[in-house]
PDB file of N, CA and C in Angstrom:
ATOM      1  N   MET A   1       0.847  -1.177   0.000  1.00  0.00           N
ATOM      2  CA  MET A   1       0.000   0.000   0.000  1.00  0.00           C
ATOM      3  C   MET A   1       0.890   1.238   0.000  1.00  0.00           C
ATOM      4  N   ALA A   2       1.143   1.799  -1.120  1.00  0.00           N
ATOM      5  CA  ALA A   2       1.958   3.002  -1.214  1.00  0.00           C
ATOM      6  C   ALA A   2       1.143   4.204  -0.784  1.00  0.00           C
ATOM      7  N   GLY A   3       1.790   5.118  -0.109  1.00  0.00           N
ATOM      8  CA  GLY A   3       1.142   6.352   0.275  1.00  0.00           C
ATOM      9  C   GLY A   3       0.610   6.384   1.690  1.00  0.00           C
ATOM     10  N   ALA A   4       0.793   5.333   2.464  1.00  0.00           N
ATOM     11  CA  ALA A   4       0.244   5.299   3.814  1.00  0.00           C
ATOM     12  C   ALA A   4       1.347   5.407   4.854  1.00  0.00           C
ATOM     13  N   ALA A   5       1.058   6.132   5.907  1.00  0.00           N
ATOM     14  CA  ALA A   5       1.974   6.202   7.042  1.00  0.00           C
ATOM     15  C   ALA A   5       1.717   4.990   7.931  1.00  0.00           C
ATOM     16  N   SER A   6       2.777   4.439   8.479  1.00  0.00           N
ATOM     17  CA  SER A   6       2.626   3.283   9.361  1.00  0.00           C
ATOM     18  C   SER A   6       2.097   3.673  10.727  1.00  0.00           C
ATOM     19  N   ALA A   7       2.528   4.846  11.211  1.00  0.00           N
ATOM     20  CA  ALA A   7       2.115   5.275  12.544  1.00  0.00           C
ATOM     21  C   ALA A   7       2.143   6.795  12.630  1.00  0.00           C
ATOM     22  N   LEU A   8       1.358   7.315  13.553  1.00  0.00           N
ATOM     23  CA  LEU A   8       1.302   8.744  13.831  1.00  0.00           C
ATOM     24  C   LEU A   8       1.613   8.916  15.311  1.00  0.00           C
ATOM     25  N   PHE A   9       2.577   9.782  15.637  1.00  0.00           N
ATOM     26  CA  PHE A   9       3.033   9.967  17.011  1.00  0.00           C
ATOM     27  C   PHE A   9       2.875  11.416  17.434  1.00  0.00           C
ATOM     28  N   LEU A  10       2.570  11.622  18.705  1.00  0.00           N
ATOM     29  CA  LEU A  10       2.607  12.927  19.335  1.00  0.00           C
ATOM     30  C   LEU A  10       3.636  12.814  20.445  1.00  0.00           C
ATOM     31  N   LEU A  11       4.739  13.571  20.329  1.00  0.00           N
ATOM     32  CA  LEU A  11       5.850  13.460  21.267  1.00  0.00           C
ATOM     33  C   LEU A  11       6.054  14.772  22.009  1.00  0.00           C
ATOM     34  N   ASP A  12       6.586  14.680  23.237  1.00  0.00           N
ATOM     35  CA  ASP A  12       6.922  15.895  23.967  1.00  0.00           C
ATOM     36  C   ASP A  12       8.317  16.362  23.566  1.00  0.00           C
ATOM     37  N   ILE A  13       8.787  17.431  24.174  1.00  0.00           N
ATOM     38  CA  ILE A  13      10.057  18.043  23.794  1.00  0.00           C
ATOM     39  C   ILE A  13      11.253  17.133  24.102  1.00  0.00           C
ATOM     40  N   LYS A  14      11.085  16.184  25.017  1.00  0.00           N
ATOM     41  CA  LYS A  14      12.163  15.259  25.360  1.00  0.00           C
ATOM     42  C   LYS A  14      12.136  13.992  24.523  1.00  0.00           C
ATOM     43  N   GLY A  15      11.154  13.849  23.653  1.00  0.00           N
ATOM     44  CA  GLY A  15      11.082  12.696  22.771  1.00  0.00           C
ATOM     45  C   GLY A  15      10.256  11.544  23.293  1.00  0.00           C
ATOM     46  N   ARG A  16       9.535  11.749  24.375  1.00  0.00           N
ATOM     47  CA  ARG A  16       8.669  10.687  24.899  1.00  0.00           C
ATOM     48  C   ARG A  16       7.348  10.688  24.135  1.00  0.00           C
ATOM     49  N   VAL A  17       6.888   9.514  23.799  1.00  0.00           N
ATOM     50  CA  VAL A  17       5.626   9.382  23.068  1.00  0.00           C
ATOM     51  C   VAL A  17       4.470   9.641  24.029  1.00  0.00           C
ATOM     52  N   LEU A  18       3.656  10.637  23.708  1.00  0.00           N
ATOM     53  CA  LEU A  18       2.483  10.960  24.520  1.00  0.00           C
ATOM     54  C   LEU A  18       1.271  10.167  24.047  1.00  0.00           C
ATOM     55  N   VAL A  19       1.014  10.223  22.744  1.00  0.00           N
ATOM     56  CA  VAL A  19      -0.106   9.515  22.128  1.00  0.00           C
ATOM     57  C   VAL A  19       0.378   9.006  20.783  1.00  0.00           C
ATOM     58  N   TRP A  20      -0.042   7.803  20.419  1.00  0.00           N
ATOM     59  CA  TRP A  20       0.324   7.311  19.096  1.00  0.00           C
ATOM     60  C   TRP A  20      -0.742   6.370  18.579  1.00  0.00           C
ATOM     61  N   ARG A  21      -0.773   6.287  17.265  1.00  0.00           N
ATOM     62  CA  ARG A  21      -1.719   5.388  16.592  1.00  0.00           C
ATOM     63  C   ARG A  21      -0.932   4.570  15.587  1.00  0.00           C
ATOM     64  N   ASP A  22      -0.991   3.258  15.747  1.00  0.00           N
ATOM     65  CA  ASP A  22      -0.279   2.342  14.864  1.00  0.00           C
ATOM     66  C   ASP A  22      -1.260   1.840  13.815  1.00  0.00           C
ATOM     67  N   TYR A  23      -0.962   2.108  12.549  1.00  0.00           N
ATOM     68  CA  TYR A  23      -1.861   1.713  11.472  1.00  0.00           C
ATOM     69  C   TYR A  23      -1.447   0.403  10.805  1.00  0.00           C
ATOM     70  N   LEU A  24      -0.161   0.202  10.573  1.00  0.00           N
ATOM     71  CA  LEU A  24       0.281  -0.978   9.826  1.00  0.00           C
ATOM     72  C   LEU A  24       1.079  -1.970  10.666  1.00  0.00           C
ATOM     73  N   GLY A  25       1.527  -1.577  11.851  1.00  0.00           N
ATOM     74  CA  GLY A  25       2.211  -2.493  12.745  1.00  0.00           C
ATOM     75  C   GLY A  25       3.674  -2.745  12.448  1.00  0.00           C
ATOM     76  N   ASP A  26       4.300  -1.944  11.591  1.00  0.00           N
ATOM     77  CA  ASP A  26       5.713  -2.194  11.287  1.00  0.00           C
ATOM     78  C   ASP A  26       6.667  -1.188  11.921  1.00  0.00           C
ATOM     79  N   VAL A  27       6.158  -0.193  12.642  1.00  0.00           N
ATOM     80  CA  VAL A  27       6.994   0.766  13.367  1.00  0.00           C
ATOM     81  C   VAL A  27       6.436   0.877  14.782  1.00  0.00           C
ATOM     82  N   SER A  28       7.308   0.686  15.782  1.00  0.00           N
ATOM     83  CA  SER A  28       6.846   0.728  17.171  1.00  0.00           C
ATOM     84  C   SER A  28       7.146   2.084  17.804  1.00  0.00           C
ATOM     85  N   ALA A  29       6.528   2.324  18.947  1.00  0.00           N
ATOM     86  CA  ALA A  29       6.763   3.565  19.684  1.00  0.00           C
ATOM     87  C   ALA A  29       8.192   3.622  20.202  1.00  0.00           C
ATOM     88  N   VAL A  30       8.771   2.478  20.516  1.00  0.00           N
ATOM     89  CA  VAL A  30      10.158   2.434  20.995  1.00  0.00           C
ATOM     90  C   VAL A  30      11.110   2.911  19.905  1.00  0.00           C
ATOM     91  N   GLN A  31      10.881   2.499  18.666  1.00  0.00           N
ATOM     92  CA  GLN A  31      11.710   2.956  17.550  1.00  0.00           C
ATOM     93  C   GLN A  31      11.599   4.464  17.380  1.00  0.00           C
ATOM     94  N   ALA A  32      10.406   4.995  17.527  1.00  0.00           N
ATOM     95  CA  ALA A  32      10.203   6.439  17.385  1.00  0.00           C
ATOM     96  C   ALA A  32      10.929   7.201  18.488  1.00  0.00           C
ATOM     97  N   GLU A  33      10.868   6.697  19.719  1.00  0.00           N
ATOM     98  CA  GLU A  33      11.567   7.361  20.819  1.00  0.00           C
ATOM     99  C   GLU A  33      13.076   7.312  20.626  1.00  0.00           C
ATOM    100  N   ARG A  34      13.604   6.167  20.187  1.00  0.00           N
ATOM    101  CA  ARG A  34      15.050   6.060  19.934  1.00  0.00           C
ATOM    102  C   ARG A  34      15.493   7.031  18.855  1.00  0.00           C
ATOM    103  N   PHE A  35      14.736   7.089  17.767  1.00  0.00           N
ATOM    104  CA  PHE A  35      15.072   8.016  16.693  1.00  0.00           C
ATOM    105  C   PHE A  35      15.045   9.448  17.201  1.00  0.00           C
ATOM    106  N   PHE A  36      14.043   9.781  17.980  1.00  0.00           N
ATOM    107  CA  PHE A  36      13.903  11.162  18.422  1.00  0.00           C
ATOM    108  C   PHE A  36      15.008  11.561  19.390  1.00  0.00           C
ATOM    109  N   THR A  37      15.472  10.635  20.227  1.00  0.00           N
ATOM    110  CA  THR A  37      16.601  10.965  21.103  1.00  0.00           C
ATOM    111  C   THR A  37      17.857  11.220  20.278  1.00  0.00           C
ATOM    112  N   LYS A  38      18.055  10.474  19.187  1.00  0.00           N
ATOM    113  CA  LYS A  38      19.170  10.753  18.277  1.00  0.00           C
ATOM    114  C   LYS A  38      19.028  12.138  17.665  1.00  0.00           C
ATOM    115  N   LEU A  39      17.817  12.498  17.305  1.00  0.00           N
ATOM    116  CA  LEU A  39      17.558  13.802  16.696  1.00  0.00           C
ATOM    117  C   LEU A  39      17.840  14.927  17.688  1.00  0.00           C
ATOM    118  N   ILE A  40      17.458  14.750  18.933  1.00  0.00           N
ATOM    119  CA  ILE A  40      17.694  15.763  19.955  1.00  0.00           C
ATOM    120  C   ILE A  40      19.189  15.927  20.205  1.00  0.00           C
ATOM    121  N   GLU A  41      19.941  14.828  20.178  1.00  0.00           N
ATOM    122  CA  GLU A  41      21.389  14.902  20.379  1.00  0.00           C
ATOM    123  C   GLU A  41      22.071  15.700  19.276  1.00  0.00           C
ATOM    124  N   LYS A  42      21.529  15.653  18.058  1.00  0.00           N
ATOM    125  CA  LYS A  42      22.112  16.370  16.922  1.00  0.00           C
ATOM    126  C   LYS A  42      21.443  17.722  16.696  1.00  0.00           C
ATOM    127  N   GLU A  43      20.867  18.315  17.725  1.00  0.00           N
ATOM    128  CA  GLU A  43      20.062  19.512  17.546  1.00  0.00           C
ATOM    129  C   GLU A  43      20.852  20.691  16.972  1.00  0.00           C
ATOM    130  N   GLY A  44      22.132  20.808  17.263  1.00  0.00           N
ATOM    131  CA  GLY A  44      22.933  21.909  16.734  1.00  0.00           C
ATOM    132  C   GLY A  44      23.301  21.743  15.272  1.00  0.00           C
ATOM    133  N   ASP A  45      23.206  20.531  14.757  1.00  0.00           N
ATOM    134  CA  ASP A  45      23.549  20.243  13.367  1.00  0.00           C
ATOM    135  C   ASP A  45      22.457  20.785  12.442  1.00  0.00           C
ATOM    136  N   PRO A  46      22.818  21.570  11.413  1.00  0.00           N
ATOM    137  CA  PRO A  46      21.792  22.107  10.508  1.00  0.00           C
ATOM    138  C   PRO A  46      20.984  21.025   9.786  1.00  0.00           C
ATOM    139  N   ARG A  47      21.582  19.855   9.520  1.00  0.00           N
ATOM    140  CA  ARG A  47      20.851  18.782   8.845  1.00  0.00           C
ATOM    141  C   ARG A  47      19.764  18.187   9.734  1.00  0.00           C
ATOM    142  N   SER A  48      19.901  18.323  11.050  1.00  0.00           N
ATOM    143  CA  SER A  48      18.897  17.746  11.947  1.00  0.00           C
ATOM    144  C   SER A  48      17.608  18.559  11.957  1.00  0.00           C
ATOM    145  N   GLN A  49      17.617  19.745  11.374  1.00  0.00           N
ATOM    146  CA  GLN A  49      16.431  20.592  11.349  1.00  0.00           C
ATOM    147  C   GLN A  49      15.505  20.263  10.184  1.00  0.00           C
ATOM    148  N   GLU A  50      15.912  19.356   9.319  1.00  0.00           N
ATOM    149  CA  GLU A  50      15.073  18.978   8.184  1.00  0.00           C
ATOM    150  C   GLU A  50      13.871  18.172   8.676  1.00  0.00           C
ATOM    151  N   PRO A  51      12.690  18.381   8.095  1.00  0.00           N
ATOM    152  CA  PRO A  51      11.493  17.689   8.579  1.00  0.00           C
ATOM    153  C   PRO A  51      11.380  16.232   8.135  1.00  0.00           C
ATOM    154  N   VAL A  52      12.282  15.779   7.280  1.00  0.00           N
ATOM    155  CA  VAL A  52      12.263  14.392   6.814  1.00  0.00           C
ATOM    156  C   VAL A  52      13.594  13.753   7.189  1.00  0.00           C
ATOM    157  N   ALA A  53      13.530  12.572   7.817  1.00  0.00           N
ATOM    158  CA  ALA A  53      14.755  11.874   8.211  1.00  0.00           C
ATOM    159  C   ALA A  53      14.567  10.375   7.973  1.00  0.00           C
ATOM    160  N   TYR A  54      15.685   9.699   7.743  1.00  0.00           N
ATOM    161  CA  TYR A  54      15.679   8.261   7.474  1.00  0.00           C
ATOM    162  C   TYR A  54      16.617   7.593   8.461  1.00  0.00           C
ATOM    163  N   ASP A  55      16.153   6.536   9.136  1.00  0.00           N
ATOM    164  CA  ASP A  55      16.974   5.844  10.121  1.00  0.00           C
ATOM    165  C   ASP A  55      16.546   4.383  10.197  1.00  0.00           C
ATOM    166  N   ASN A  56      17.490   3.472   9.982  1.00  0.00           N
ATOM    167  CA  ASN A  56      17.254   2.026  10.100  1.00  0.00           C
ATOM    168  C   ASN A  56      16.045   1.536   9.304  1.00  0.00           C
ATOM    169  N   GLY A  57      15.919   2.000   8.081  1.00  0.00           N
ATOM    170  CA  GLY A  57      14.849   1.530   7.215  1.00  0.00           C
ATOM    171  C   GLY A  57      13.499   2.186   7.432  1.00  0.00           C
ATOM    172  N   VAL A  58      13.438   3.171   8.315  1.00  0.00           N
ATOM    173  CA  VAL A  58      12.182   3.862   8.602  1.00  0.00           C
ATOM    174  C   VAL A  58      12.339   5.332   8.227  1.00  0.00           C
ATOM    175  N   THR A  59      11.346   5.870   7.531  1.00  0.00           N
ATOM    176  CA  THR A  59      11.336   7.286   7.186  1.00  0.00           C
ATOM    177  C   THR A  59      10.425   8.013   8.162  1.00  0.00           C
ATOM    178  N   TYR A  60      10.954   9.095   8.749  1.00  0.00           N
ATOM    179  CA  TYR A  60      10.216   9.888   9.724  1.00  0.00           C
ATOM    180  C   TYR A  60       9.964  11.280   9.161  1.00  0.00           C
ATOM    181  N   LEU A  61       8.764  11.783   9.347  1.00  0.00           N
ATOM    182  CA  LEU A  61       8.409  13.165   9.020  1.00  0.00           C
ATOM    183  C   LEU A  61       7.868  13.792  10.292  1.00  0.00           C
ATOM    184  N   PHE A  62       8.289  15.022  10.585  1.00  0.00           N
ATOM    185  CA  PHE A  62       7.807  15.639  11.814  1.00  0.00           C
ATOM    186  C   PHE A  62       7.708  17.148  11.672  1.00  0.00           C
ATOM    187  N   VAL A  63       6.827  17.725  12.470  1.00  0.00           N
ATOM    188  CA  VAL A  63       6.697  19.172  12.619  1.00  0.00           C
ATOM    189  C   VAL A  63       6.624  19.460  14.112  1.00  0.00           C
ATOM    190  N   GLN A  64       7.113  20.642  14.484  1.00  0.00           N
ATOM    191  CA  GLN A  64       7.109  21.043  15.886  1.00  0.00           C
ATOM    192  C   GLN A  64       6.163  22.215  16.074  1.00  0.00           C
ATOM    193  N   HIS A  65       5.422  22.176  17.176  1.00  0.00           N
ATOM    194  CA  HIS A  65       4.589  23.301  17.575  1.00  0.00           C
ATOM    195  C   HIS A  65       4.729  23.446  19.078  1.00  0.00           C
ATOM    196  N   SER A  66       5.266  24.571  19.522  1.00  0.00           N
ATOM    197  CA  SER A  66       5.557  24.818  20.933  1.00  0.00           C
ATOM    198  C   SER A  66       6.473  23.708  21.445  1.00  0.00           C
ATOM    199  N   ASN A  67       6.029  22.964  22.437  1.00  0.00           N
ATOM    200  CA  ASN A  67       6.842  21.888  23.006  1.00  0.00           C
ATOM    201  C   ASN A  67       6.352  20.511  22.587  1.00  0.00           C
ATOM    202  N   VAL A  68       5.633  20.435  21.485  1.00  0.00           N
ATOM    203  CA  VAL A  68       5.060  19.173  21.022  1.00  0.00           C
ATOM    204  C   VAL A  68       5.501  18.912  19.586  1.00  0.00           C
ATOM    205  N   TYR A  69       5.833  17.661  19.316  1.00  0.00           N
ATOM    206  CA  TYR A  69       6.177  17.236  17.959  1.00  0.00           C
ATOM    207  C   TYR A  69       5.097  16.293  17.458  1.00  0.00           C
ATOM    208  N   LEU A  70       4.683  16.496  16.228  1.00  0.00           N
ATOM    209  CA  LEU A  70       3.768  15.587  15.548  1.00  0.00           C
ATOM    210  C   LEU A  70       4.585  14.874  14.484  1.00  0.00           C
ATOM    211  N   MET A  71       4.598  13.537  14.508  1.00  0.00           N
ATOM    212  CA  MET A  71       5.502  12.784  13.649  1.00  0.00           C
ATOM    213  C   MET A  71       4.789  11.585  13.038  1.00  0.00           C
ATOM    214  N   THR A  72       5.111  11.311  11.771  1.00  0.00           N
ATOM    215  CA  THR A  72       4.675  10.079  11.122  1.00  0.00           C
ATOM    216  C   THR A  72       5.904   9.230  10.837  1.00  0.00           C
ATOM    217  N   ALA A  73       5.697   7.933  10.745  1.00  0.00           N
ATOM    218  CA  ALA A  73       6.786   7.011  10.443  1.00  0.00           C
ATOM    219  C   ALA A  73       6.267   5.918   9.519  1.00  0.00           C
ATOM    220  N   SER A  74       7.153   5.458   8.624  1.00  0.00           N
ATOM    221  CA  SER A  74       6.750   4.398   7.705  1.00  0.00           C
ATOM    222  C   SER A  74       7.968   3.672   7.165  1.00  0.00           C
ATOM    223  N   ARG A  75       7.806   2.392   6.914  1.00  0.00           N
ATOM    224  CA  ARG A  75       8.838   1.603   6.239  1.00  0.00           C
ATOM    225  C   ARG A  75       8.574   1.546   4.742  1.00  0.00           C
ATOM    226  N   GLN A  76       7.419   2.027   4.320  1.00  0.00           N
ATOM    227  CA  GLN A  76       7.031   1.948   2.917  1.00  0.00           C
ATOM    228  C   GLN A  76       7.314   3.262   2.203  1.00  0.00           C
ATOM    229  N   ASN A  77       7.211   3.206   0.899  1.00  0.00           N
ATOM    230  CA  ASN A  77       7.347   4.395   0.081  1.00  0.00           C
ATOM    231  C   ASN A  77       6.030   5.167   0.129  1.00  0.00           C
ATOM    232  N   TYR A  78       6.093   6.431   0.508  1.00  0.00           N
ATOM    233  CA  TYR A  78       4.876   7.233   0.550  1.00  0.00           C
ATOM    234  C   TYR A  78       5.171   8.648   0.085  1.00  0.00           C
ATOM    235  N   ASN A  79       4.136   9.410  -0.136  1.00  0.00           N
ATOM    236  CA  ASN A  79       4.251  10.769  -0.629  1.00  0.00           C
ATOM    237  C   ASN A  79       4.580  11.692   0.543  1.00  0.00           C
ATOM    238  N   ALA A  80       5.843  12.056   0.671  1.00  0.00           N
ATOM    239  CA  ALA A  80       6.295  12.859   1.804  1.00  0.00           C
ATOM    240  C   ALA A  80       5.673  14.248   1.795  1.00  0.00           C
ATOM    241  N   ALA A  81       5.505  14.833   0.627  1.00  0.00           N
ATOM    242  CA  ALA A  81       4.950  16.188   0.549  1.00  0.00           C
ATOM    243  C   ALA A  81       3.514  16.227   1.062  1.00  0.00           C
ATOM    244  N   SER A  82       2.704  15.256   0.687  1.00  0.00           N
ATOM    245  CA  SER A  82       1.311  15.271   1.144  1.00  0.00           C
ATOM    246  C   SER A  82       1.212  14.975   2.637  1.00  0.00           C
ATOM    247  N   LEU A  83       2.070  14.091   3.156  1.00  0.00           N
ATOM    248  CA  LEU A  83       2.036  13.823   4.593  1.00  0.00           C
ATOM    249  C   LEU A  83       2.542  15.010   5.399  1.00  0.00           C
ATOM    250  N   LEU A  84       3.540  15.715   4.891  1.00  0.00           N
ATOM    251  CA  LEU A  84       4.033  16.905   5.579  1.00  0.00           C
ATOM    252  C   LEU A  84       2.966  17.997   5.587  1.00  0.00           C
ATOM    253  N   LEU A  85       2.265  18.139   4.489  1.00  0.00           N
ATOM    254  CA  LEU A  85       1.151  19.087   4.427  1.00  0.00           C
ATOM    255  C   LEU A  85       0.059  18.686   5.421  1.00  0.00           C
ATOM    256  N   PHE A  86      -0.224  17.400   5.520  1.00  0.00           N
ATOM    257  CA  PHE A  86      -1.200  16.907   6.488  1.00  0.00           C
ATOM    258  C   PHE A  86      -0.781  17.261   7.913  1.00  0.00           C
ATOM    259  N   LEU A  87       0.491  17.047   8.255  1.00  0.00           N
ATOM    260  CA  LEU A  87       0.970  17.364   9.602  1.00  0.00           C
ATOM    261  C   LEU A  87       0.823  18.851   9.906  1.00  0.00           C
ATOM    262  N   HIS A  88       1.170  19.691   8.939  1.00  0.00           N
ATOM    263  CA  HIS A  88       1.030  21.134   9.146  1.00  0.00           C
ATOM    264  C   HIS A  88      -0.433  21.531   9.328  1.00  0.00           C
ATOM    265  N   ARG A  89      -1.316  20.920   8.585  1.00  0.00           N
ATOM    266  CA  ARG A  89      -2.743  21.246   8.729  1.00  0.00           C
ATOM    267  C   ARG A  89      -3.293  20.768  10.064  1.00  0.00           C
ATOM    268  N   VAL A  90      -2.848  19.618  10.521  1.00  0.00           N
ATOM    269  CA  VAL A  90      -3.278  19.136  11.839  1.00  0.00           C
ATOM    270  C   VAL A  90      -2.843  20.122  12.909  1.00  0.00           C
ATOM    271  N   VAL A  91      -1.608  20.584  12.825  1.00  0.00           N
ATOM    272  CA  VAL A  91      -1.109  21.551  13.803  1.00  0.00           C
ATOM    273  C   VAL A  91      -1.904  22.847  13.715  1.00  0.00           C
ATOM    274  N   ASP A  92      -2.101  23.362  12.520  1.00  0.00           N
ATOM    275  CA  ASP A  92      -2.824  24.625  12.354  1.00  0.00           C
ATOM    276  C   ASP A  92      -4.257  24.532  12.861  1.00  0.00           C
ATOM    277  N   VAL A  93      -4.978  23.523  12.447  1.00  0.00           N
ATOM    278  CA  VAL A  93      -6.393  23.410  12.792  1.00  0.00           C
ATOM    279  C   VAL A  93      -6.582  22.970  14.237  1.00  0.00           C
ATOM    280  N   SER A  94      -5.944  21.903  14.655  1.00  0.00           N
ATOM    281  CA  SER A  94      -6.168  21.349  15.988  1.00  0.00           C
ATOM    282  C   SER A  94      -5.730  22.296  17.087  1.00  0.00           C
ATOM    283  N   PHE A  95      -4.536  22.845  16.961  1.00  0.00           N
ATOM    284  CA  PHE A  95      -4.050  23.719  18.017  1.00  0.00           C
ATOM    285  C   PHE A  95      -4.803  25.049  18.041  1.00  0.00           C
ATOM    286  N   MET A  96      -5.226  25.532  16.891  1.00  0.00           N
ATOM    287  CA  MET A  96      -6.009  26.764  16.873  1.00  0.00           C
ATOM    288  C   MET A  96      -7.387  26.536  17.491  1.00  0.00           C
ATOM    289  N   LEU A  97      -8.017  25.401  17.221  1.00  0.00           N
ATOM    290  CA  LEU A  97      -9.308  25.104  17.843  1.00  0.00           C
ATOM    291  C   LEU A  97      -9.168  24.975  19.353  1.00  0.00           C
ATOM    292  N   TYR A  98      -8.095  24.349  19.808  1.00  0.00           N
ATOM    293  CA  TYR A  98      -7.847  24.228  21.245  1.00  0.00           C
ATOM    294  C   TYR A  98      -7.641  25.601  21.866  1.00  0.00           C
ATOM    295  N   LEU A  99      -6.858  26.448  21.204  1.00  0.00           N
ATOM    296  CA  LEU A  99      -6.594  27.788  21.714  1.00  0.00           C
ATOM    297  C   LEU A  99      -7.878  28.607  21.784  1.00  0.00           C
ATOM    298  N   ILE A 100      -8.683  28.562  20.743  1.00  0.00           N
ATOM    299  CA  ILE A 100      -9.933  29.320  20.723  1.00  0.00           C
ATOM    300  C   ILE A 100     -10.881  28.830  21.813  1.00  0.00           C
ATOM    301  N   SER A 101     -11.000  27.521  21.974  1.00  0.00           N
ATOM    302  CA  SER A 101     -11.905  26.995  23.002  1.00  0.00           C
ATOM    303  C   SER A 101     -11.422  27.349  24.401  1.00  0.00           C
ATOM    304  N   SER A 102     -10.109  27.338  24.632  1.00  0.00           N
ATOM    305  CA  SER A 102      -9.604  27.703  25.958  1.00  0.00           C
ATOM    306  C   SER A 102      -9.782  29.192  26.220  1.00  0.00           C
ATOM    307  N   LEU A 103      -9.645  30.018  25.182  1.00  0.00           N
ATOM    308  CA  LEU A 103      -9.874  31.454  25.355  1.00  0.00           C
ATOM    309  C   LEU A 103     -11.347  31.749  25.621  1.00  0.00           C
ATOM    310  N   LEU A 104     -12.236  31.072  24.909  1.00  0.00           N
ATOM    311  CA  LEU A 104     -13.665  31.288  25.115  1.00  0.00           C
ATOM    312  C   LEU A 104     -14.122  30.817  26.488  1.00  0.00           C
ATOM    313  N   SER A 105     -13.535  29.753  26.987  1.00  0.00           N
ATOM    314  CA  SER A 105     -13.922  29.264  28.314  1.00  0.00           C
ATOM    315  C   SER A 105     -13.420  30.190  29.417  1.00  0.00           C
ATOM    316  N   ALA A 106     -12.401  30.994  29.133  1.00  0.00           N
ATOM    317  CA  ALA A 106     -11.867  31.917  30.132  1.00  0.00           C
ATOM    318  C   ALA A 106     -12.666  33.216  30.209  1.00  0.00           C
ATOM    319  N   LEU A 107     -13.497  33.486  29.203  1.00  0.00           N
ATOM    320  CA  LEU A 107     -14.291  34.715  29.196  1.00  0.00           C
ATOM    321  C   LEU A 107     -15.434  34.619  30.200  1.00  0.00           C
ATOM    322  N   PRO A 108     -15.684  35.706  30.925  1.00  0.00           N
ATOM    323  CA  PRO A 108     -16.830  35.684  31.857  1.00  0.00           C
ATOM    324  C   PRO A 108     -18.149  35.757  31.093  1.00  0.00           C
ATOM    325  N   LEU A 109     -19.141  35.085  31.605  1.00  0.00           N
ATOM    326  CA  LEU A 109     -20.458  35.079  30.942  1.00  0.00           C
ATOM    327  C   LEU A 109     -21.312  36.213  31.380  1.00  0.00           C
TER     328      LEU A 109
END
């Protein structure tokens, strides 16, 4: 199945998996945490800032928003541009809806 992400991860700033959804069963949360700790160690390297990375046969795509990373992983060939666009839209829509709802709940009635 070309074009599908194996898993979707939500990680904190230290690389711990907060929430994840496994779709195909070929990438585990442990692999994602190991990869992310490697990425954090190379944080000063300009190449580590790229949103697409390859490690041990798994391709990772990620975006950062505040102290949270949204990441996909797959062992298969998939359309990186469309998945990266999907990640950006999830961040834009989901976090903005959360922000708006928290602001509205803080307003006095």
